[in-house]
Amino acid sequence: MATLFFNSQEDAIKQLFHQEGTFSLASLGIFFICFFFLACWTYGASVPSGLFVPSLLCGAAYGRFVATLLINVLGYSKIYSGTFALIGAAAFLGGVVRMTISLTVIMIESTNDISYGLPIMIVLMVAKWSGDLFNEGLYDIHIKLRGVPLLEWEAPHGQERLKASDIMDTKLAYIYPHTRVQSIVQILRTTVHNAYAVVTIDTPKDEERGHDRTSRERQNVQYRKQSAITRSQEQRRRLYSFSGTSVEPQPMVNLRGRTSSLVEEMNTSSDPHVDFAVPDSEQPLSMDHHAVRLHGVILRSQLVALLVQKVYYTESSDGNSEQPTLSYEAITSQYPRYPDIYDLDMQDIDSTMIMDVTPYMNDSPYIVSPSTRVPQVFNLFRSMGLRHLPVVNDQGEIVGIVTRHNLTHEYLADIARDIDH
């Protein structure tokens, strides 16, 4: 018993696999019971401990206990206890984690004997089927307890009638192409989203306000107009392209040099520094809601990196202010441990400055239509490894966003149940 308790777990496993006839039934039984409860206790505690090696050790002790019982009580003499320890370790670990193929390879490599392949495979399949009759694997149970939105391999059956508009989140948090730094800091501190939509808002007073806008407002309005592509423009471009004639360049906005007369429309908020909005999902849509046109998506880590590097410019009436440029290598230099917004010293950041996010946003993200079926959305998430998927209507307006939380089996079942009732 001292060999099992006072040696390391790896040495104890080797002793159970290879040492013959030195463990009594009482020693193996006491060790198995004590170590089993210790493994359960340490896994549930907030300490860096795993279950892979403890499960192997518990299974090896149990298998060795069965072999010793057969030899001493039932009189089986031609039994190798190490084989029972190996099979017990595979069965115990397979029942805990419900792995089959990968665990078979691991166990065969640990024995360096391919002849054990078939018995190990049979034991692992029986352990998995027996465990599935009662509950899921331990890791799957823990994922659900922690609320991690881990997607299954396939979309749940019977959800083909659901559309993207049924499961999307309509409570959006977005920023403008040219946004005040104070607004970016505020939205980063008040939300935990991984990415934010970059939008412009169509208001009926755009033409009436005209010269009353600030430079920042004109920049966003001009960006919205210049980024729009009409069918006639595309046909004219293709006609020139097929005929071999050079196309007359279209007037584009100099986003980095700010040499054009630009600026953005602001939110309807009375605070001139608040440029983002979170529409109320409980309020029914009406004609008072302005069209929110999607132009791209920018990650939270990118916004924090731009704030750290002070990539913003001063608002001026002539529009000649220039913003510093930042390379992709500089933005991702701290991957994967990006700084948090709460780690920044706000005294070093001028909240009245303006940030142009257009050079750094993803202007061609994956999008779906509100009428897209849920299985198609699910397969797109799984195949492309997405974390967010904007839902855009045929007018280019973002109407919602789909995340992994919206595609979990539990969430889809709740939505289907609400629709049925």
Protein backbone atom coordinates (compact mmCIF):
# COMPACT_ATOMS: atom_id res chain seq x y z
CA MET A 1 0.00 0.00 0.00
CA ALA A 2 2.90 2.37 0.72
CA THR A 3 4.16 1.75 -2.84
CA LEU A 4 0.89 3.09 -4.22
CA PHE A 5 0.32 5.98 -1.82
CA PHE A 6 3.81 7.43 -1.43
CA ASN A 7 5.09 7.11 -5.01
CA SER A 8 4.14 9.41 -7.85
CA GLN A 9 1.11 8.51 -9.93
CA GLU A 10 3.26 7.47 -12.90
CA ASP A 11 5.36 5.12 -10.74
CA ALA A 12 2.23 3.68 -9.14
CA ILE A 13 0.78 2.90 -12.58
CA LYS A 14 4.01 1.15 -13.59
CA GLN A 15 3.91 -0.93 -10.40
CA LEU A 16 0.31 -2.01 -11.08
CA PHE A 17 1.10 -2.86 -14.70
CA HIS A 18 4.36 -4.76 -14.23
CA GLN A 19 4.93 -5.82 -10.60
CA GLU A 20 3.56 -9.31 -10.01
CA GLY A 21 2.00 -10.67 -6.82
CA THR A 22 2.89 -7.97 -4.29
CA PHE A 23 -0.51 -6.29 -3.69
CA SER A 24 -3.17 -7.73 -1.42
CA LEU A 25 -6.92 -7.36 -1.88
CA ALA A 26 -7.15 -5.07 1.15
CA SER A 27 -4.39 -2.78 -0.13
CA LEU A 28 -5.89 -2.50 -3.61
CA GLY A 29 -9.43 -1.97 -2.27
CA ILE A 30 -8.44 0.72 0.23
CA PHE A 31 -6.26 2.51 -2.32
CA PHE A 32 -8.97 2.46 -5.00
CA ILE A 33 -11.66 3.87 -2.70
CA CYS A 34 -9.43 6.58 -1.21
CA PHE A 35 -7.90 7.67 -4.50
CA PHE A 36 -11.29 7.68 -6.25
CA PHE A 37 -12.77 10.14 -3.75
CA LEU A 38 -9.58 12.23 -3.75
CA ALA A 39 -9.73 12.48 -7.56
CA CYS A 40 -13.39 13.57 -7.42
CA TRP A 41 -12.60 16.19 -4.78
CA THR A 42 -9.60 17.71 -6.55
CA TYR A 43 -11.42 17.88 -9.90
CA GLY A 44 -14.27 19.83 -8.37
CA ALA A 45 -11.94 22.24 -6.56
CA SER A 46 -10.58 25.37 -8.23
CA VAL A 47 -7.06 24.00 -8.58
CA PRO A 48 -5.07 23.12 -11.72
CA SER A 49 -5.64 19.35 -11.64
CA GLY A 50 -6.80 16.94 -14.31
CA LEU A 51 -8.44 13.52 -14.42
CA PHE A 52 -6.49 11.71 -17.10
CA VAL A 53 -3.72 10.15 -14.98
CA PRO A 54 -5.93 9.75 -11.84
CA SER A 55 -8.50 7.87 -13.95
CA LEU A 56 -5.78 5.60 -15.30
CA LEU A 57 -4.54 4.93 -11.77
CA CYS A 58 -8.01 4.22 -10.38
CA GLY A 59 -8.80 1.89 -13.28
CA ALA A 60 -5.46 0.09 -12.97
CA ALA A 61 -6.04 -0.45 -9.24
CA TYR A 62 -9.55 -1.77 -9.87
CA GLY A 63 -8.38 -4.09 -12.65
CA ARG A 64 -5.56 -5.38 -10.48
CA PHE A 65 -8.11 -5.93 -7.67
CA VAL A 66 -10.24 -8.12 -9.98
CA ALA A 67 -7.18 -10.11 -11.12
CA THR A 68 -6.06 -10.70 -7.52
CA LEU A 69 -9.60 -11.76 -6.60
CA LEU A 70 -9.66 -14.32 -9.41
CA ILE A 71 -6.27 -15.71 -8.39
CA ASN A 72 -6.68 -15.86 -4.61
CA VAL A 73 -10.40 -16.65 -4.29
CA LEU A 74 -11.44 -18.50 -7.44
CA GLY A 75 -8.12 -20.25 -8.01
CA TYR A 76 -7.24 -19.03 -11.51
CA SER A 77 -3.48 -19.49 -11.71
CA LYS A 78 -2.75 -18.64 -15.37
CA ILE A 79 -3.63 -14.97 -15.11
CA TYR A 80 -1.31 -12.01 -15.64
CA SER A 81 -2.42 -9.23 -13.31
CA GLY A 82 -0.80 -6.51 -15.44
CA THR A 83 -3.17 -7.23 -18.32
CA PHE A 84 -6.17 -6.79 -16.03
CA ALA A 85 -4.68 -3.52 -14.78
CA LEU A 86 -4.30 -2.28 -18.37
CA ILE A 87 -7.86 -3.24 -19.32
CA GLY A 88 -9.21 -1.70 -16.11
CA ALA A 89 -7.36 1.56 -16.73
CA ALA A 90 -8.73 1.76 -20.30
CA ALA A 91 -12.28 0.97 -19.16
CA PHE A 92 -12.24 3.49 -16.31
CA LEU A 93 -10.81 6.31 -18.41
CA GLY A 94 -13.08 5.50 -21.35
CA GLY A 95 -16.13 5.64 -19.12
CA VAL A 96 -15.11 9.03 -17.73
CA VAL A 97 -14.12 10.89 -20.92
CA ARG A 98 -16.03 8.73 -23.48
CA MET A 99 -13.15 8.71 -25.94
CA THR A 100 -12.66 5.68 -28.20
CA ILE A 101 -10.23 5.90 -31.10
CA SER A 102 -7.77 8.38 -29.61
CA LEU A 103 -7.71 6.57 -26.28
CA THR A 104 -7.11 3.25 -28.06
CA VAL A 105 -4.05 4.70 -29.76
CA ILE A 106 -2.77 6.14 -26.46
CA MET A 107 -3.14 2.85 -24.62
CA ILE A 108 -1.49 0.83 -27.42
CA GLU A 109 1.45 3.25 -27.50
CA SER A 110 1.82 2.97 -23.73
CA THR A 111 2.09 -0.83 -23.93
CA ASN A 112 4.16 -0.94 -27.15
CA ASP A 113 2.26 -4.12 -28.06
CA ILE A 114 -0.22 -4.10 -30.95
CA SER A 115 -1.75 -7.39 -29.78
CA TYR A 116 -3.65 -5.48 -27.09
CA GLY A 117 -5.40 -3.37 -29.72
CA LEU A 118 -8.55 -5.49 -30.13
CA PRO A 119 -9.24 -6.04 -26.41
CA ILE A 120 -8.72 -2.35 -25.68
CA MET A 121 -11.09 -1.33 -28.48
CA ILE A 122 -13.79 -3.72 -27.23
CA VAL A 123 -13.41 -2.51 -23.65
CA LEU A 124 -13.58 1.16 -24.65
CA MET A 125 -16.70 0.67 -26.78
CA VAL A 126 -18.47 -1.26 -24.00
CA ALA A 127 -17.47 1.43 -21.46
CA LYS A 128 -18.78 4.20 -23.72
CA TRP A 129 -22.08 2.45 -24.47
CA SER A 130 -22.62 1.61 -20.82
CA GLY A 131 -21.94 5.18 -19.73
CA ASP A 132 -24.18 6.68 -22.44
CA LEU A 133 -27.11 4.75 -21.00
CA PHE A 134 -26.94 6.89 -17.86
CA ASN A 135 -25.46 10.30 -18.73
CA GLU A 136 -22.95 12.15 -20.90
CA GLY A 137 -19.20 12.25 -20.49
CA LEU A 138 -17.71 14.19 -17.58
CA TYR A 139 -16.24 16.90 -19.81
CA ASP A 140 -19.57 17.36 -21.62
CA ILE A 141 -21.37 17.71 -18.29
CA HIS A 142 -18.83 20.26 -17.10
CA ILE A 143 -19.15 22.26 -20.34
CA LYS A 144 -22.90 22.58 -19.75
CA LEU A 145 -22.40 23.52 -16.10
CA ARG A 146 -20.02 26.32 -17.10
CA GLY A 147 -22.32 27.51 -19.89
CA VAL A 148 -19.66 27.24 -22.61
CA PRO A 149 -21.35 27.58 -26.05
CA LEU A 150 -19.68 24.53 -27.59
CA LEU A 151 -21.46 23.49 -30.77
CA GLU A 152 -22.27 19.90 -31.57
CA TRP A 153 -21.13 18.21 -34.76
CA GLU A 154 -24.46 18.63 -36.52
CA ALA A 155 -27.49 20.85 -36.22
CA PRO A 156 -30.30 19.34 -34.13
CA HIS A 157 -32.98 17.53 -36.09
CA GLY A 158 -36.33 19.18 -36.57
CA GLN A 159 -34.95 22.73 -36.62
CA GLU A 160 -35.21 23.21 -40.40
CA ARG A 161 -38.26 25.41 -39.97
CA LEU A 162 -36.32 27.95 -37.90
CA LYS A 163 -34.75 30.93 -39.66
CA ALA A 164 -31.88 33.22 -38.79
CA SER A 165 -34.40 35.92 -37.89
CA ASP A 166 -35.88 33.61 -35.25
CA ILE A 167 -32.63 33.04 -33.34
CA MET A 168 -30.62 36.23 -33.94
CA ASP A 169 -29.94 38.77 -31.23
CA THR A 170 -31.50 42.12 -32.15
CA LYS A 171 -29.93 44.06 -29.29
CA LEU A 172 -26.89 45.35 -31.13
CA ALA A 173 -23.84 47.32 -30.05
CA TYR A 174 -22.10 49.07 -32.94
CA ILE A 175 -19.73 51.87 -33.79
CA TYR A 176 -19.35 54.28 -36.69
CA PRO A 177 -16.51 54.41 -39.22
CA HIS A 178 -15.33 57.62 -37.50
CA THR A 179 -16.09 57.40 -33.79
CA ARG A 180 -15.03 59.47 -30.84
CA VAL A 181 -12.54 57.73 -28.55
CA GLN A 182 -14.76 58.25 -25.51
CA SER A 183 -17.54 56.31 -27.23
CA ILE A 184 -15.21 53.41 -28.07
CA VAL A 185 -13.96 53.23 -24.48
CA GLN A 186 -17.52 53.35 -23.19
CA ILE A 187 -18.77 50.56 -25.44
CA LEU A 188 -15.76 48.37 -24.61
CA ARG A 189 -16.33 48.86 -20.88
CA THR A 190 -20.08 48.26 -20.96
CA THR A 191 -20.14 45.20 -23.25
CA VAL A 192 -18.21 41.94 -23.51
CA HIS A 193 -18.67 41.24 -27.22
CA ASN A 194 -15.77 39.86 -29.23
CA ALA A 195 -16.57 41.99 -32.30
CA TYR A 196 -18.61 45.05 -33.18
CA ALA A 197 -20.41 46.01 -36.34
CA VAL A 198 -19.22 49.14 -38.13
CA VAL A 199 -22.31 50.92 -39.43
CA THR A 200 -23.73 54.17 -40.68
CA ILE A 201 -27.29 55.27 -39.99
CA ASP A 202 -29.64 56.69 -42.61
CA THR A 203 -31.61 59.58 -41.19
CA PRO A 204 -34.24 61.63 -43.04
CA LYS A 205 -32.50 64.85 -41.94
CA ASP A 206 -29.21 64.13 -43.76
CA GLU A 207 -29.98 66.45 -46.65
CA GLU A 208 -31.62 69.10 -44.47
CA ARG A 209 -28.71 69.45 -42.05
CA GLY A 210 -26.15 69.92 -44.81
CA HIS A 211 -23.60 72.51 -43.66
CA ASP A 212 -24.68 72.27 -40.00
CA ARG A 213 -22.83 69.02 -39.53
CA THR A 214 -19.49 68.73 -37.85
CA SER A 215 -16.51 67.37 -39.75
CA ARG A 216 -16.88 63.98 -38.09
CA GLU A 217 -20.54 63.77 -39.14
CA ARG A 218 -19.69 64.63 -42.76
CA GLN A 219 -17.01 61.93 -42.83
CA ASN A 220 -19.44 59.16 -41.92
CA VAL A 221 -22.11 60.39 -44.32
CA GLN A 222 -19.57 60.61 -47.12
CA TYR A 223 -18.18 57.19 -46.30
CA ARG A 224 -21.66 55.69 -46.53
CA LYS A 225 -22.26 57.28 -49.92
CA GLN A 226 -18.87 56.37 -51.36
CA SER A 227 -19.03 52.77 -50.17
CA ALA A 228 -22.39 52.18 -51.87
CA ILE A 229 -22.21 50.35 -55.21
CA THR A 230 -25.14 50.63 -57.60
CA ARG A 231 -26.04 48.25 -60.41
CA SER A 232 -25.47 50.92 -63.06
CA GLN A 233 -21.99 51.65 -61.74
CA GLU A 234 -21.09 47.95 -61.78
CA GLN A 235 -22.43 47.50 -65.32
CA ARG A 236 -20.45 50.51 -66.50
CA ARG A 237 -17.30 49.16 -64.84
CA ARG A 238 -17.71 45.77 -66.49
CA LEU A 239 -18.44 47.34 -69.87
CA TYR A 240 -15.20 49.30 -69.74
CA SER A 241 -13.36 46.23 -68.50
CA PHE A 242 -14.58 43.97 -71.33
CA SER A 243 -13.90 46.59 -73.99
CA GLY A 244 -10.34 47.10 -72.80
CA THR A 245 -10.91 50.79 -72.10
CA SER A 246 -9.57 52.23 -68.90
CA VAL A 247 -12.29 53.02 -66.45
CA GLU A 248 -12.68 56.56 -65.27
CA PRO A 249 -11.84 56.47 -61.56
CA GLN A 250 -14.75 57.10 -59.26
CA PRO A 251 -14.40 59.77 -56.61
CA MET A 252 -13.22 57.98 -53.48
CA VAL A 253 -12.69 59.17 -49.97
CA ASN A 254 -9.16 59.68 -48.72
CA LEU A 255 -9.75 58.00 -45.39
CA ARG A 256 -6.21 58.22 -44.08
CA GLY A 257 -5.10 61.61 -45.40
CA ARG A 258 -8.40 63.36 -44.69
CA THR A 259 -7.89 65.66 -47.71
CA SER A 260 -11.53 65.38 -48.79
CA SER A 261 -14.52 67.08 -47.31
CA LEU A 262 -15.74 64.25 -45.14
CA VAL A 263 -17.52 63.41 -41.92
CA GLU A 264 -19.97 61.25 -40.13
CA GLU A 265 -23.53 61.47 -39.01
CA MET A 266 -23.96 61.24 -35.28
CA ASN A 267 -26.38 59.29 -33.19
CA THR A 268 -29.54 61.06 -32.13
CA SER A 269 -28.20 61.22 -28.56
CA SER A 270 -27.86 64.68 -27.07
CA ASP A 271 -24.34 63.88 -25.86
CA PRO A 272 -22.00 64.71 -28.77
CA HIS A 273 -19.45 62.16 -27.51
CA VAL A 274 -21.79 59.16 -27.53
CA ASP A 275 -21.66 57.69 -31.03
CA PHE A 276 -22.92 54.17 -30.44
CA ALA A 277 -26.38 52.91 -29.68
CA VAL A 278 -27.97 49.77 -28.33
CA PRO A 279 -31.53 49.58 -29.72
CA ASP A 280 -34.14 48.27 -27.35
CA SER A 281 -35.06 44.74 -28.44
CA GLU A 282 -38.35 44.90 -26.53
CA GLN A 283 -39.59 47.95 -28.42
CA PRO A 284 -41.43 47.06 -31.67
CA LEU A 285 -39.83 48.26 -34.87
CA SER A 286 -41.47 51.30 -36.39
CA MET A 287 -40.80 54.01 -38.93
CA ASP A 288 -38.87 55.92 -36.27
CA HIS A 289 -36.05 53.38 -36.41
CA HIS A 290 -33.44 54.45 -38.92
CA ALA A 291 -31.73 52.05 -41.30
CA VAL A 292 -28.43 50.79 -39.87
CA ARG A 293 -26.21 49.88 -42.82
CA LEU A 294 -23.41 47.40 -42.23
CA HIS A 295 -19.95 48.28 -43.60
CA GLY A 296 -17.78 45.80 -41.73
CA VAL A 297 -16.83 44.17 -38.45
CA ILE A 298 -13.94 45.03 -36.15
CA LEU A 299 -12.66 42.87 -33.30
CA ARG A 300 -12.50 43.96 -29.69
CA SER A 301 -8.77 43.18 -29.56
CA GLN A 302 -8.18 45.46 -32.54
CA LEU A 303 -9.98 48.37 -30.91
CA VAL A 304 -7.95 47.97 -27.71
CA ALA A 305 -4.72 47.75 -29.73
CA LEU A 306 -5.61 50.96 -31.58
CA LEU A 307 -6.24 52.70 -28.27
CA VAL A 308 -2.93 51.47 -26.86
CA GLN A 309 -1.04 52.72 -29.92
CA LYS A 310 -3.00 56.02 -29.91
CA VAL A 311 -4.28 55.58 -33.45
CA TYR A 312 -6.70 58.51 -33.67
CA TYR A 313 -6.79 62.06 -34.96
CA THR A 314 -7.97 65.50 -33.93
CA GLU A 315 -11.31 66.73 -35.23
CA SER A 316 -10.89 69.81 -37.39
CA SER A 317 -13.16 71.88 -39.57
CA ASP A 318 -10.94 71.70 -42.67
CA GLY A 319 -10.59 67.89 -42.55
CA ASN A 320 -6.79 67.91 -42.88
CA SER A 321 -6.01 65.99 -39.69
CA GLU A 322 -4.11 62.77 -40.26
CA GLN A 323 -4.36 59.57 -38.26
CA PRO A 324 -1.28 57.42 -37.56
CA THR A 325 -1.22 54.09 -39.37
CA LEU A 326 -0.64 50.74 -37.68
CA SER A 327 0.53 47.56 -39.39
CA TYR A 328 -1.08 44.16 -38.97
CA GLU A 329 2.02 42.87 -37.19
CA ALA A 330 1.78 45.69 -34.65
CA ILE A 331 -1.90 44.97 -33.97
CA THR A 332 -1.32 41.24 -33.42
CA SER A 333 2.05 41.55 -31.65
CA GLN A 334 0.54 40.60 -28.27
CA TYR A 335 -1.41 37.57 -29.53
CA PRO A 336 -2.91 35.59 -27.86
CA ARG A 337 -2.86 37.66 -24.64
CA TYR A 338 -4.26 40.96 -25.83
CA PRO A 339 -4.51 43.78 -23.29
CA ASP A 340 -7.85 44.37 -21.63
CA ILE A 341 -9.68 47.68 -21.75
CA TYR A 342 -9.48 47.91 -17.95
CA ASP A 343 -5.69 47.62 -18.09
CA LEU A 344 -5.34 50.89 -20.00
CA ASP A 345 -4.39 54.12 -18.31
CA MET A 346 -7.19 56.46 -19.37
CA GLN A 347 -5.14 59.51 -18.43
CA ASP A 348 -2.89 58.80 -21.42
CA ILE A 349 -5.85 58.65 -23.83
CA ASP A 350 -7.51 61.79 -25.17
CA SER A 351 -11.22 60.96 -25.15
CA THR A 352 -12.10 63.89 -27.41
CA MET A 353 -10.13 62.52 -30.36
CA ILE A 354 -11.67 60.69 -33.33
CA MET A 355 -10.74 57.17 -34.45
CA ASP A 356 -11.07 55.99 -38.04
CA VAL A 357 -11.62 52.22 -37.90
CA THR A 358 -12.16 51.67 -41.63
CA PRO A 359 -8.53 50.70 -42.46
CA TYR A 360 -8.59 47.98 -39.79
CA MET A 361 -12.09 46.51 -39.98
CA ASN A 362 -13.09 43.45 -41.96
CA ASP A 363 -15.14 45.00 -44.73
CA SER A 364 -16.28 41.64 -46.15
CA PRO A 365 -17.44 39.49 -43.21
CA TYR A 366 -19.60 36.43 -43.58
CA ILE A 367 -23.27 37.44 -43.56
CA VAL A 368 -26.59 35.67 -43.93
CA SER A 369 -30.09 36.72 -44.87
CA PRO A 370 -32.86 36.83 -42.24
CA SER A 371 -34.60 34.01 -44.13
CA THR A 372 -31.59 31.65 -44.02
CA ARG A 373 -32.47 28.34 -42.41
CA VAL A 374 -30.84 27.44 -39.12
CA PRO A 375 -29.05 24.28 -40.44
CA GLN A 376 -27.30 26.43 -43.05
CA VAL A 377 -26.25 28.94 -40.39
CA PHE A 378 -25.07 26.09 -38.15
CA ASN A 379 -22.99 24.50 -40.91
CA LEU A 380 -21.42 27.86 -41.75
CA PHE A 381 -20.39 28.33 -38.13
CA ARG A 382 -18.93 24.83 -37.89
CA SER A 383 -17.11 24.83 -41.24
CA MET A 384 -15.63 28.33 -40.99
CA GLY A 385 -15.04 28.48 -37.23
CA LEU A 386 -17.04 31.68 -36.77
CA ARG A 387 -17.80 33.46 -33.51
CA HIS A 388 -20.32 35.98 -34.85
CA LEU A 389 -22.44 36.20 -37.98
CA PRO A 390 -24.28 39.42 -38.94
CA VAL A 391 -27.78 39.07 -40.33
CA VAL A 392 -28.28 41.56 -43.17
CA ASN A 393 -31.44 42.17 -45.18
CA ASP A 394 -31.66 42.81 -48.93
CA GLN A 395 -31.15 46.56 -48.37
CA GLY A 396 -27.76 46.09 -46.71
CA GLU A 397 -29.12 46.88 -43.25
CA ILE A 398 -27.97 44.82 -40.28
CA VAL A 399 -31.00 43.53 -38.43
CA GLY A 400 -29.30 41.25 -35.91
CA ILE A 401 -26.32 39.05 -35.16
CA VAL A 402 -25.95 35.33 -34.51
CA THR A 403 -23.38 33.99 -32.05
CA ARG A 404 -22.57 30.51 -30.80
CA HIS A 405 -24.95 31.03 -27.88
CA ASN A 406 -27.79 31.28 -30.40
CA LEU A 407 -26.89 27.92 -31.98
CA THR A 408 -26.64 25.68 -28.93
CA HIS A 409 -29.12 22.81 -28.80
CA GLU A 410 -30.75 24.15 -25.64
CA TYR A 411 -31.31 27.64 -27.10
CA LEU A 412 -32.71 26.26 -30.36
CA ALA A 413 -35.05 23.97 -28.44
CA ASP A 414 -36.33 26.92 -26.39
CA ILE A 415 -36.93 29.01 -29.52
CA ALA A 416 -38.79 26.16 -31.23
CA ARG A 417 -40.90 25.65 -28.11
CA ASP A 418 -41.79 29.35 -27.99
CA ILE A 419 -42.79 29.33 -31.65
CA ASP A 420 -44.97 26.26 -31.18
CA HIS A 421 -46.82 27.94 -28.32
